Amino acid sequence: MAQSAEQSTRTPSKVADDAPTSRARLVTYFLIWKVALLLVACASPGPGYDTSTQLFFAQNNAEPSASSPGLLAQVLQHVAIKLTRWDAIYFTSASINGLVYEQQWAFSPTFARITSLLAGAFPSSLCTSTTCHALSAILISHVSHLLAVLVLHSLVLSIRPFTSNPGRAHRIAFTTACLHILSLGGLFLSSAYGESTFAFLNFSGMLAYALASPTNNTKTGITSILYILLSGTFFALATLIRSNGLFSGLILLWDALTLSTSLLSSPSSYLTRISQLATTILSGTLIALAYTLPQYFAYLEFCSKVPPTELRPWCTNTLPSIYSFVQSHYWNVGLFRYWTLSNLPLFLLASPMLLLLTATALTCCEDPYSASSTTEARNQPDPFRTPDAEDSRDRYKSLMRRFAAPQLLLVALAITTFHVQIVNRIASGYPVVYLMVAIVMEGGGGAGEERMGWLGRKRVVEWVVRVGTVYAVVQGGLYASFMPPA
């Protein structure tokens, strides 16, 4: 699998240029990779230094069973135990019992509700209650990751960033999707975490946004309006799964500011631009509501039904956000709080991904058509460089600037505020880094690759992919043994 993405760029005649065949290959590679990770997890030693999972399953499966479980039930329980580590315990507990404790509000109530509903579909003979809830979350994560891979493939094809040559476009889209299969998120994308579901929804929002823009800054007609609304809906759903879905609101904010400026500077097409601006604002409002409504429901539960003397500290804040409070109070999340000497290894662990995220975001808008390293060759007539291709290039730059903005914000907050090591898994929801690495692996020069410096060299990037694949496997074994990093 580590070489599958590379081979897709070396044998163009063997890599299908039609989307259906490429997607079939992606499904095959996805299944191979997931089976490999599950085997690593199941073979890892346990229970590890932390017995939280064993205690959690024992406590919630205390009811006596009328018969001993069959082989399949035992295998499924073993898989569920190995994949229910770290935050997955919180997600599974919320799925079983709802949000009982204050700190559980740091984890998506929406994701817990979905897994709880799906858990009821498992037959009782196949799994106990806790195992069923854990398996439902694991199933959702696997399906979501597969959908994220397929949507990412479609997203790359939709923005057509490289050339009007369809063969090259399909190869880069295929490589991009393969890279997401091999994501550094590893087993986190298979467990009871929201990362896979977030990636699927965030990619879907970006795909809808790209489809709303047939040409640069031209979003007219009912179809484009509906796509923008669909984009905002997907971003809102992503925000319900992970709060960093708010970052994707920057894409719509960018449009709102651009449209507002154009209205002031040029009154022509006034009604059209007003409708575009109204649609963009409505879509952004959906994202804001997705973040604020859970906070409101938490306020009703913890702050409106208790006497003033028993109010939690966050209830009296100017902006009473339970999410911000529990992150700060229970996990010490805050500006520069993670900047301690003991956390230096975690910064080093995250530094390769931080460098990739930064370099790809800052250079993704460079000319993707430059296919030769010499100025003379670049100035030669290009049969693919038609007026339509020029429009496609301008559209690509417009889209990539917007898609890069949330990625840069993620880097800034990961360095200054987050638990920095989680960037290795939450970066799985941001497509620019995968696309730019795929373009470098595909080769063909380009100013973007040149400005990336040594990270823009094909051989370096191929080694990054190899090392990242090994890391994902090792991390899977550590995760299943309840060992850091988490």
Protein backbone atom coordinates (compact mmCIF):
# COMPACT_ATOMS: atom_id res chain seq x y z
CA MET A 1 0.00 0.00 0.00
CA ALA A 2 2.85 2.41 0.78
CA GLN A 3 3.85 2.37 -2.88
CA SER A 4 0.36 2.33 -4.40
CA ALA A 5 0.14 6.10 -4.56
CA GLU A 6 3.60 6.31 -6.13
CA GLN A 7 2.85 3.63 -8.70
CA SER A 8 -0.24 5.51 -9.78
CA THR A 9 2.04 8.27 -11.08
CA ARG A 10 4.60 5.99 -12.73
CA THR A 11 2.33 3.80 -14.82
CA PRO A 12 -0.24 6.11 -16.37
CA SER A 13 -1.40 3.52 -18.86
CA LYS A 14 -2.26 1.14 -16.05
CA VAL A 15 -4.02 3.65 -13.85
CA ALA A 16 -7.55 3.99 -15.10
CA ASP A 17 -8.44 7.44 -16.34
CA ASP A 18 -12.14 6.87 -15.86
CA ALA A 19 -13.63 7.71 -12.48
CA PRO A 20 -15.66 4.49 -11.89
CA THR A 21 -12.63 2.22 -12.32
CA SER A 22 -10.48 4.50 -10.16
CA ARG A 23 -13.10 4.41 -7.41
CA ALA A 24 -13.22 0.62 -7.57
CA ARG A 25 -9.45 0.52 -7.07
CA LEU A 26 -9.75 2.96 -4.18
CA VAL A 27 -12.32 0.74 -2.46
CA THR A 28 -9.99 -2.25 -2.86
CA TYR A 29 -6.98 -0.39 -1.45
CA PHE A 30 -9.12 0.99 1.36
CA LEU A 31 -10.26 -2.50 2.42
CA ILE A 32 -6.71 -3.87 2.31
CA TRP A 33 -5.42 -1.02 4.47
CA LYS A 34 -8.23 -1.26 7.00
CA VAL A 35 -7.85 -5.02 7.37
CA ALA A 36 -4.11 -4.55 7.92
CA LEU A 37 -4.71 -1.95 10.64
CA LEU A 38 -7.32 -4.12 12.36
CA LEU A 39 -4.92 -7.07 12.37
CA VAL A 40 -2.24 -4.88 13.95
CA ALA A 41 -4.72 -3.70 16.58
CA CYS A 42 -6.01 -7.17 17.39
CA ALA A 43 -2.48 -8.57 17.67
CA SER A 44 -1.23 -5.79 19.92
CA PRO A 45 -0.54 -6.71 23.56
CA GLY A 46 -3.04 -5.72 26.20
CA PRO A 47 -4.61 -4.53 28.34
CA GLY A 48 -1.70 -2.11 28.58
CA TYR A 49 -0.85 0.21 31.43
CA ASP A 50 -4.38 1.64 31.48
CA THR A 51 -7.31 -0.66 32.23
CA SER A 52 -10.03 1.95 31.65
CA THR A 53 -11.48 0.05 28.69
CA GLN A 54 -11.68 -3.26 30.56
CA LEU A 55 -13.34 -1.58 33.55
CA PHE A 56 -15.71 0.30 31.26
CA PHE A 57 -16.83 -2.84 29.42
CA ALA A 58 -17.10 -4.83 32.66
CA GLN A 59 -19.19 -2.15 34.35
CA ASN A 60 -21.64 -1.76 31.48
CA ASN A 61 -21.85 -5.48 30.74
CA ALA A 62 -22.53 -6.47 34.33
CA GLU A 63 -25.81 -8.18 33.47
CA PRO A 64 -25.45 -11.99 33.34
CA SER A 65 -25.66 -13.64 29.94
CA ALA A 66 -27.94 -16.61 29.39
CA SER A 67 -25.46 -18.30 27.08
CA SER A 68 -21.78 -18.08 26.33
CA PRO A 69 -20.95 -15.90 23.31
CA GLY A 70 -20.11 -17.55 20.02
CA LEU A 71 -16.82 -17.20 18.18
CA LEU A 72 -18.00 -14.27 16.06
CA ALA A 73 -19.29 -12.44 19.14
CA GLN A 74 -15.94 -12.96 20.90
CA VAL A 75 -14.02 -11.65 17.88
CA LEU A 76 -16.25 -8.58 17.63
CA GLN A 77 -15.86 -7.87 21.33
CA HIS A 78 -12.08 -8.19 21.03
CA VAL A 79 -12.09 -5.70 18.14
CA ALA A 80 -14.36 -3.34 20.07
CA ILE A 81 -12.11 -3.42 23.14
CA LYS A 82 -8.94 -2.84 21.11
CA LEU A 83 -10.46 0.15 19.31
CA THR A 84 -12.13 1.73 22.36
CA ARG A 85 -9.23 3.68 23.80
CA TRP A 86 -8.61 7.24 24.95
CA ASP A 87 -11.43 9.57 23.80
CA ALA A 88 -13.33 6.65 22.29
CA ILE A 89 -14.35 5.70 25.84
CA TYR A 90 -16.06 9.08 26.21
CA PHE A 91 -17.84 8.71 22.87
CA THR A 92 -19.03 5.18 23.65
CA SER A 93 -20.13 6.11 27.16
CA ALA A 94 -22.16 9.04 25.79
CA SER A 95 -23.68 6.72 23.21
CA ILE A 96 -24.86 4.34 25.96
CA ASN A 97 -25.95 6.72 28.71
CA GLY A 98 -26.18 10.13 27.07
CA LEU A 99 -24.24 13.18 28.27
CA VAL A 100 -24.22 12.62 32.03
CA TYR A 101 -21.10 14.52 33.06
CA GLU A 102 -20.02 18.03 32.23
CA GLN A 103 -16.76 17.05 30.55
CA GLN A 104 -18.60 14.78 28.10
CA TRP A 105 -19.81 17.91 26.30
CA ALA A 106 -16.32 18.25 24.83
CA PHE A 107 -17.23 15.29 22.62
CA SER A 108 -19.84 15.53 19.89
CA PRO A 109 -23.37 14.90 21.23
CA THR A 110 -24.46 14.45 17.62
CA PHE A 111 -21.97 11.67 16.94
CA ALA A 112 -22.96 9.93 20.19
CA ARG A 113 -26.63 10.14 19.24
CA ILE A 114 -26.02 8.65 15.81
CA THR A 115 -24.00 5.74 17.22
CA SER A 116 -26.68 5.15 19.84
CA LEU A 117 -29.37 4.85 17.17
CA LEU A 118 -27.27 2.47 15.08
CA ALA A 119 -26.39 0.30 18.08
CA GLY A 120 -30.02 -0.79 18.27
CA ALA A 121 -29.70 -2.43 14.86
CA PHE A 122 -27.18 -5.00 16.13
CA PRO A 123 -28.74 -8.29 17.28
CA SER A 124 -28.32 -8.97 21.01
CA SER A 125 -26.91 -12.41 20.22
CA LEU A 126 -24.00 -10.79 18.40
CA CYS A 127 -22.87 -8.29 21.02
CA THR A 128 -23.56 -7.01 24.50
CA SER A 129 -24.89 -3.48 24.93
CA THR A 130 -21.49 -1.81 25.33
CA THR A 131 -19.95 -3.80 22.51
CA CYS A 132 -22.85 -2.92 20.21
CA HIS A 133 -22.41 0.79 20.88
CA ALA A 134 -18.66 0.58 20.31
CA LEU A 135 -19.14 -1.43 17.11
CA SER A 136 -21.69 1.04 15.78
CA ALA A 137 -19.18 3.88 16.20
CA ILE A 138 -16.45 1.77 14.58
CA LEU A 139 -18.74 0.95 11.65
CA ILE A 140 -19.66 4.62 11.18
CA SER A 141 -15.98 5.60 11.20
CA HIS A 142 -15.09 3.00 8.57
CA VAL A 143 -17.96 3.92 6.26
CA SER A 144 -17.29 7.63 6.74
CA HIS A 145 -13.61 7.22 5.91
CA LEU A 146 -14.44 5.34 2.72
CA LEU A 147 -16.94 8.03 1.73
CA ALA A 148 -14.35 10.72 2.54
CA VAL A 149 -11.87 9.05 0.20
CA LEU A 150 -14.41 8.88 -2.63
CA VAL A 151 -15.60 12.46 -2.10
CA LEU A 152 -11.99 13.68 -2.03
CA HIS A 153 -11.42 11.96 -5.37
CA SER A 154 -14.45 13.77 -6.82
CA LEU A 155 -13.38 17.07 -5.25
CA VAL A 156 -9.97 16.98 -6.90
CA LEU A 157 -11.53 16.17 -10.27
CA SER A 158 -14.02 19.00 -9.86
CA ILE A 159 -11.40 21.72 -9.35
CA ARG A 160 -9.25 20.55 -12.31
CA PRO A 161 -6.04 22.16 -11.05
CA PHE A 162 -3.40 20.76 -13.32
CA THR A 163 -4.14 20.61 -17.03
CA SER A 164 -6.92 19.98 -19.47
CA ASN A 165 -5.30 16.59 -20.04
CA PRO A 166 -7.88 14.28 -18.41
CA GLY A 167 -5.40 11.45 -17.88
CA ARG A 168 -3.16 13.54 -15.64
CA ALA A 169 -6.14 14.95 -13.78
CA HIS A 170 -7.44 11.48 -12.97
CA ARG A 171 -4.03 10.24 -11.89
CA ILE A 172 -3.58 13.10 -9.44
CA ALA A 173 -7.11 12.66 -8.11
CA PHE A 174 -6.43 8.96 -7.64
CA THR A 175 -3.12 9.60 -5.86
CA THR A 176 -4.72 12.21 -3.60
CA ALA A 177 -7.40 9.75 -2.52
CA CYS A 178 -4.79 7.01 -1.94
CA LEU A 179 -2.86 9.37 0.32
CA HIS A 180 -5.95 9.93 2.41
CA ILE A 181 -6.36 6.18 2.85
CA LEU A 182 -2.83 6.15 4.27
CA SER A 183 -3.53 9.16 6.48
CA LEU A 184 -1.44 9.73 9.61
CA GLY A 185 -4.75 9.49 11.46
CA GLY A 186 -4.32 5.72 11.19
CA LEU A 187 -6.48 3.79 13.60
CA PHE A 188 -8.17 6.97 14.87
CA LEU A 189 -10.03 6.98 11.54
CA SER A 190 -11.32 3.48 12.34
CA SER A 191 -12.25 3.95 15.99
CA ALA A 192 -15.05 5.67 17.90
CA TYR A 193 -13.76 9.11 17.00
CA GLY A 194 -15.36 11.82 14.87
CA GLU A 195 -12.40 12.40 12.54
CA SER A 196 -13.61 10.18 9.67
CA THR A 197 -17.13 11.57 9.76
CA PHE A 198 -15.79 15.11 9.95
CA ALA A 199 -13.53 14.51 6.92
CA PHE A 200 -16.44 13.14 4.88
CA LEU A 201 -18.70 16.09 5.73
CA ASN A 202 -15.99 18.74 5.32
CA PHE A 203 -14.90 17.34 1.94
CA SER A 204 -18.56 17.20 0.88
CA GLY A 205 -18.98 20.86 1.81
CA MET A 206 -15.93 21.79 -0.26
CA LEU A 207 -17.16 19.69 -3.19
CA ALA A 208 -20.55 21.44 -3.12
CA TYR A 209 -18.77 24.80 -2.95
CA ALA A 210 -16.57 23.89 -5.93
CA LEU A 211 -19.60 22.79 -7.95
CA ALA A 212 -21.23 26.15 -7.22
CA SER A 213 -18.37 27.89 -9.03
CA PRO A 214 -18.31 26.96 -12.73
CA THR A 215 -15.87 29.83 -13.34
CA ASN A 216 -13.93 32.13 -11.06
CA ASN A 217 -16.21 34.41 -9.00
CA THR A 218 -19.24 33.44 -11.08
CA LYS A 219 -21.92 31.88 -8.92
CA THR A 220 -25.19 32.66 -10.65
CA GLY A 221 -28.45 30.86 -11.08
CA ILE A 222 -30.58 28.67 -8.87
CA THR A 223 -28.17 25.73 -9.16
CA SER A 224 -25.22 27.68 -7.78
CA ILE A 225 -27.35 29.08 -4.95
CA LEU A 226 -28.47 25.58 -4.00
CA TYR A 227 -24.89 24.31 -4.07
CA ILE A 228 -23.78 27.12 -1.75
CA LEU A 229 -26.61 26.27 0.65
CA LEU A 230 -25.65 22.60 0.43
CA SER A 231 -22.05 23.55 1.14
CA GLY A 232 -23.08 25.47 4.26
CA THR A 233 -25.23 22.54 5.36
CA PHE A 234 -22.33 20.09 5.08
CA PHE A 235 -19.99 22.47 6.92
CA ALA A 236 -22.62 22.85 9.65
CA LEU A 237 -22.93 19.08 10.00
CA ALA A 238 -19.13 18.84 10.16
CA THR A 239 -19.17 21.42 12.96
CA LEU A 240 -21.65 19.27 14.87
CA ILE A 241 -19.10 16.45 14.72
CA ARG A 242 -15.97 18.50 15.45
CA SER A 243 -15.83 22.14 16.51
CA ASN A 244 -13.02 22.87 14.05
CA GLY A 245 -15.71 22.70 11.38
CA LEU A 246 -16.07 26.38 12.24
CA PHE A 247 -12.81 26.97 10.37
CA SER A 248 -14.53 26.15 7.09
CA GLY A 249 -16.71 29.16 7.68
CA LEU A 250 -13.68 31.17 6.52
CA ILE A 251 -14.46 30.02 2.98
CA LEU A 252 -17.89 31.62 3.09
CA LEU A 253 -16.62 34.65 5.03
CA TRP A 254 -14.11 35.23 2.23
CA ASP A 255 -16.97 35.22 -0.29
CA ALA A 256 -19.12 37.50 1.85
CA LEU A 257 -16.33 40.08 2.10
CA THR A 258 -15.56 39.84 -1.62
CA LEU A 259 -19.21 40.26 -2.59
CA SER A 260 -19.69 43.16 -0.18
CA THR A 261 -16.66 44.94 -1.63
CA SER A 262 -17.83 44.37 -5.20
CA LEU A 263 -21.27 45.76 -4.36
CA LEU A 264 -19.71 48.96 -3.08
CA SER A 265 -17.26 49.36 -5.95
CA SER A 266 -19.47 48.29 -8.86
CA PRO A 267 -23.27 48.61 -8.68
CA SER A 268 -23.80 46.58 -11.87
CA SER A 269 -25.66 43.25 -11.49
CA TYR A 270 -26.85 44.52 -8.13
CA LEU A 271 -29.71 42.05 -7.66
CA THR A 272 -27.57 39.07 -8.63
CA ARG A 273 -24.84 39.96 -6.16
CA ILE A 274 -27.35 40.67 -3.42
CA SER A 275 -28.82 37.18 -3.86
CA GLN A 276 -25.32 35.67 -3.80
CA LEU A 277 -24.44 37.59 -0.65
CA ALA A 278 -27.69 36.61 1.07
CA THR A 279 -27.12 32.95 0.21
CA THR A 280 -23.55 33.08 1.49
CA ILE A 281 -24.61 34.73 4.76
CA LEU A 282 -27.38 32.16 5.24
CA SER A 283 -24.91 29.31 4.71
CA GLY A 284 -22.50 30.86 7.19
CA THR A 285 -25.32 31.24 9.69
CA LEU A 286 -25.96 27.50 9.49
CA ILE A 287 -22.36 26.87 10.55
CA ALA A 288 -22.64 29.31 13.45
CA LEU A 289 -25.88 27.68 14.60
CA ALA A 290 -24.28 24.24 14.49
CA TYR A 291 -21.72 25.45 17.02
CA THR A 292 -23.99 27.55 19.26
CA LEU A 293 -27.06 25.32 19.56
CA PRO A 294 -25.29 22.54 21.53
CA GLN A 295 -23.92 25.27 23.82
CA TYR A 296 -27.46 26.57 24.31
CA PHE A 297 -28.83 23.13 25.18
CA ALA A 298 -26.00 22.65 27.67
CA TYR A 299 -26.82 26.02 29.22
CA LEU A 300 -30.44 24.98 29.66
CA GLU A 301 -29.37 21.76 31.35
CA PHE A 302 -26.66 23.06 33.67
CA CYS A 303 -27.54 26.70 34.26
CA SER A 304 -31.31 27.21 34.06
CA LYS A 305 -32.49 24.44 36.38
CA VAL A 306 -30.27 24.95 39.42
CA PRO A 307 -30.22 27.58 42.20
CA PRO A 308 -27.70 30.44 41.81
CA THR A 309 -25.47 29.05 44.57
CA GLU A 310 -24.93 25.83 42.61
CA LEU A 311 -24.19 27.33 39.21
CA ARG A 312 -21.12 26.08 37.41
CA PRO A 313 -18.46 28.81 36.84
CA TRP A 314 -19.03 29.00 33.09
CA CYS A 315 -22.75 29.74 33.51
CA THR A 316 -22.01 33.33 34.56
CA ASN A 317 -19.54 34.08 31.77
CA THR A 318 -20.42 36.76 29.24
CA LEU A 319 -20.43 34.02 26.60
CA PRO A 320 -21.37 30.90 28.58
CA SER A 321 -19.74 28.17 26.49
CA ILE A 322 -19.54 24.74 28.09
CA TYR A 323 -17.18 23.57 25.36
CA SER A 324 -14.59 26.28 26.02
CA PHE A 325 -14.86 25.72 29.78
CA VAL A 326 -14.38 21.96 29.81
CA GLN A 327 -11.49 22.18 27.35
CA SER A 328 -9.77 24.69 29.61
CA HIS A 329 -10.75 23.22 32.98
CA TYR A 330 -10.34 19.49 32.34
CA TRP A 331 -7.75 19.39 29.54
CA ASN A 332 -5.84 22.63 30.17
CA VAL A 333 -6.41 23.83 26.61
CA GLY A 334 -5.56 27.49 26.15
CA LEU A 335 -3.19 29.97 24.60
CA PHE A 336 0.43 28.82 25.11
CA ARG A 337 -0.56 26.45 27.95
CA TYR A 338 0.95 23.54 26.05
CA TRP A 339 4.30 25.30 25.73
CA THR A 340 6.14 23.36 28.41
CA LEU A 341 9.41 21.48 28.26
CA SER A 342 7.68 18.16 28.96
CA ASN A 343 5.56 18.62 25.83
CA LEU A 344 8.54 19.25 23.54
CA PRO A 345 8.50 15.63 22.23
CA LEU A 346 4.87 16.11 21.20
CA PHE A 347 5.75 19.26 19.26
CA LEU A 348 8.53 17.31 17.54
CA LEU A 349 6.09 14.51 16.74
CA ALA A 350 3.66 16.96 15.16
CA SER A 351 6.28 19.08 13.38
CA PRO A 352 6.38 17.11 10.07
CA MET A 353 2.63 17.46 9.62
CA LEU A 354 2.72 21.11 10.68
CA LEU A 355 5.42 21.78 8.08
CA LEU A 356 3.46 19.98 5.37
CA LEU A 357 0.23 21.77 6.23
CA THR A 358 1.96 25.15 6.18
CA ALA A 359 4.02 24.61 3.02
CA THR A 360 1.14 23.20 1.00
CA ALA A 361 -1.30 25.90 2.11
CA LEU A 362 1.11 28.74 1.29
CA THR A 363 2.06 27.40 -2.16
CA CYS A 364 -1.16 25.77 -3.37
CA CYS A 365 -2.14 28.77 -5.50
CA GLU A 366 1.01 28.78 -7.63
CA ASP A 367 0.79 28.08 -11.36
CA PRO A 368 -0.05 24.36 -11.68
CA TYR A 369 0.42 24.36 -15.47
CA SER A 370 4.16 24.92 -15.57
CA ALA A 371 5.31 21.55 -16.75
CA SER A 372 8.97 22.20 -17.39
CA SER A 373 11.84 23.41 -15.25
CA THR A 374 13.17 25.87 -17.84
CA THR A 375 11.76 29.28 -18.63
CA GLU A 376 12.24 28.72 -22.35
CA ALA A 377 10.20 25.53 -22.37
CA ARG A 378 7.48 27.14 -20.30
CA ASN A 379 7.12 29.90 -22.88
CA GLN A 380 6.59 27.43 -25.72
CA PRO A 381 3.04 27.03 -27.09
CA ASP A 382 1.02 24.57 -25.07
CA PRO A 383 -1.76 22.75 -26.96
CA PHE A 384 -3.65 22.37 -23.67
CA ARG A 385 -3.36 26.06 -22.73
CA THR A 386 -6.65 27.20 -24.26
CA PRO A 387 -8.87 30.05 -23.03
CA ASP A 388 -10.96 27.44 -21.22
CA ALA A 389 -7.82 26.12 -19.55
CA GLU A 390 -6.93 29.65 -18.44
CA ASP A 391 -10.39 30.02 -16.89
CA SER A 392 -9.90 26.66 -15.18
CA ARG A 393 -6.57 27.83 -13.78
CA ASP A 394 -8.10 31.03 -12.39
CA ARG A 395 -10.94 29.05 -10.87
CA TYR A 396 -8.46 26.64 -9.31
CA LYS A 397 -6.52 29.48 -7.70
CA SER A 398 -9.71 31.04 -6.37
CA LEU A 399 -10.87 27.77 -4.81
CA MET A 400 -7.50 26.79 -3.40
CA ARG A 401 -7.00 30.14 -1.67
CA ARG A 402 -10.26 29.58 0.16
CA PHE A 403 -9.59 25.92 0.93
CA ALA A 404 -6.14 26.78 2.28
CA ALA A 405 -7.47 29.35 4.76
CA PRO A 406 -8.98 26.83 7.25
CA GLN A 407 -5.81 24.73 7.00
CA LEU A 408 -3.60 27.68 7.96
CA LEU A 409 -5.89 28.54 10.87
CA LEU A 410 -5.63 24.93 12.04
CA VAL A 411 -1.82 25.18 12.03
CA ALA A 412 -1.85 28.45 13.97
CA LEU A 413 -4.16 27.10 16.68
CA ALA A 414 -2.39 23.74 16.86
CA ILE A 415 0.90 25.49 17.59
CA THR A 416 -0.47 28.02 20.08
CA THR A 417 -3.54 26.50 21.71
CA PHE A 418 -4.38 22.84 21.00
CA HIS A 419 -2.78 19.67 22.27
CA VAL A 420 -0.43 19.84 19.32
CA GLN A 421 -0.12 16.09 18.67
CA ILE A 422 -3.77 15.80 17.61
CA VAL A 423 -2.94 17.65 14.40
CA ASN A 424 -1.71 14.34 12.98
CA ARG A 425 -5.27 13.02 13.03
CA ILE A 426 -7.45 16.11 12.57
CA ALA A 427 -5.42 17.11 9.50
CA SER A 428 -7.27 14.25 7.79
CA GLY A 429 -10.18 16.65 7.25
CA TYR A 430 -8.22 19.14 5.12
CA PRO A 431 -7.72 18.31 1.42
CA VAL A 432 -5.08 20.84 0.33
CA VAL A 433 -2.18 18.98 1.96
CA TYR A 434 -3.11 15.69 0.24
CA LEU A 435 -3.65 17.35 -3.14
CA MET A 436 -0.35 19.23 -3.13
CA VAL A 437 1.62 16.15 -2.10
CA ALA A 438 -0.10 14.23 -4.91
CA ILE A 439 0.85 16.93 -7.44
CA VAL A 440 4.50 16.68 -6.37
CA MET A 441 4.39 12.89 -6.65
CA GLU A 442 2.84 13.19 -10.09
CA GLY A 443 5.75 15.44 -11.09
CA GLY A 444 5.85 18.03 -13.81
CA GLY A 445 7.40 21.00 -12.07
CA GLY A 446 5.38 24.12 -11.39
CA ALA A 447 6.05 27.22 -9.36
CA GLY A 448 4.23 25.80 -6.37
CA GLU A 449 6.64 22.89 -6.13
CA GLU A 450 9.63 25.22 -6.48
CA ARG A 451 8.46 27.48 -3.65
CA MET A 452 7.91 24.48 -1.38
CA GLY A 453 11.70 24.06 -1.38
CA TRP A 454 12.95 20.62 -0.37
CA LEU A 455 9.37 19.59 0.44
CA GLY A 456 8.59 20.08 -3.24
CA ARG A 457 11.03 17.40 -4.36
CA LYS A 458 9.40 14.20 -5.51
CA ARG A 459 11.92 11.91 -3.81
CA VAL A 460 11.52 13.72 -0.48
CA VAL A 461 7.74 13.56 -0.64
CA GLU A 462 7.82 9.85 -1.50
CA TRP A 463 9.93 9.22 1.61
CA VAL A 464 7.51 11.31 3.64
CA VAL A 465 4.68 9.06 2.46
CA ARG A 466 6.66 5.91 3.31
CA VAL A 467 7.55 7.14 6.79
CA GLY A 468 3.99 8.31 7.35
CA THR A 469 2.65 4.89 6.42
CA VAL A 470 5.01 3.19 8.88
CA TYR A 471 3.99 5.72 11.53
CA ALA A 472 0.31 4.93 10.98
CA VAL A 473 0.97 1.21 11.49
CA VAL A 474 3.09 1.74 14.61
CA GLN A 475 0.61 4.25 15.98
CA GLY A 476 -2.16 1.68 15.46
CA GLY A 477 -0.34 -0.83 17.64
CA LEU A 478 0.34 1.79 20.32
CA TYR A 479 -3.27 2.98 20.28
CA ALA A 480 -4.66 -0.53 20.67
CA SER A 481 -2.32 -1.04 23.65
CA PHE A 482 -3.55 2.22 25.24
CA MET A 483 -0.18 3.85 24.71
CA PRO A 484 0.48 7.45 23.61
CA PRO A 485 0.44 9.46 21.40
CA ALA A 486 -3.31 10.02 21.38
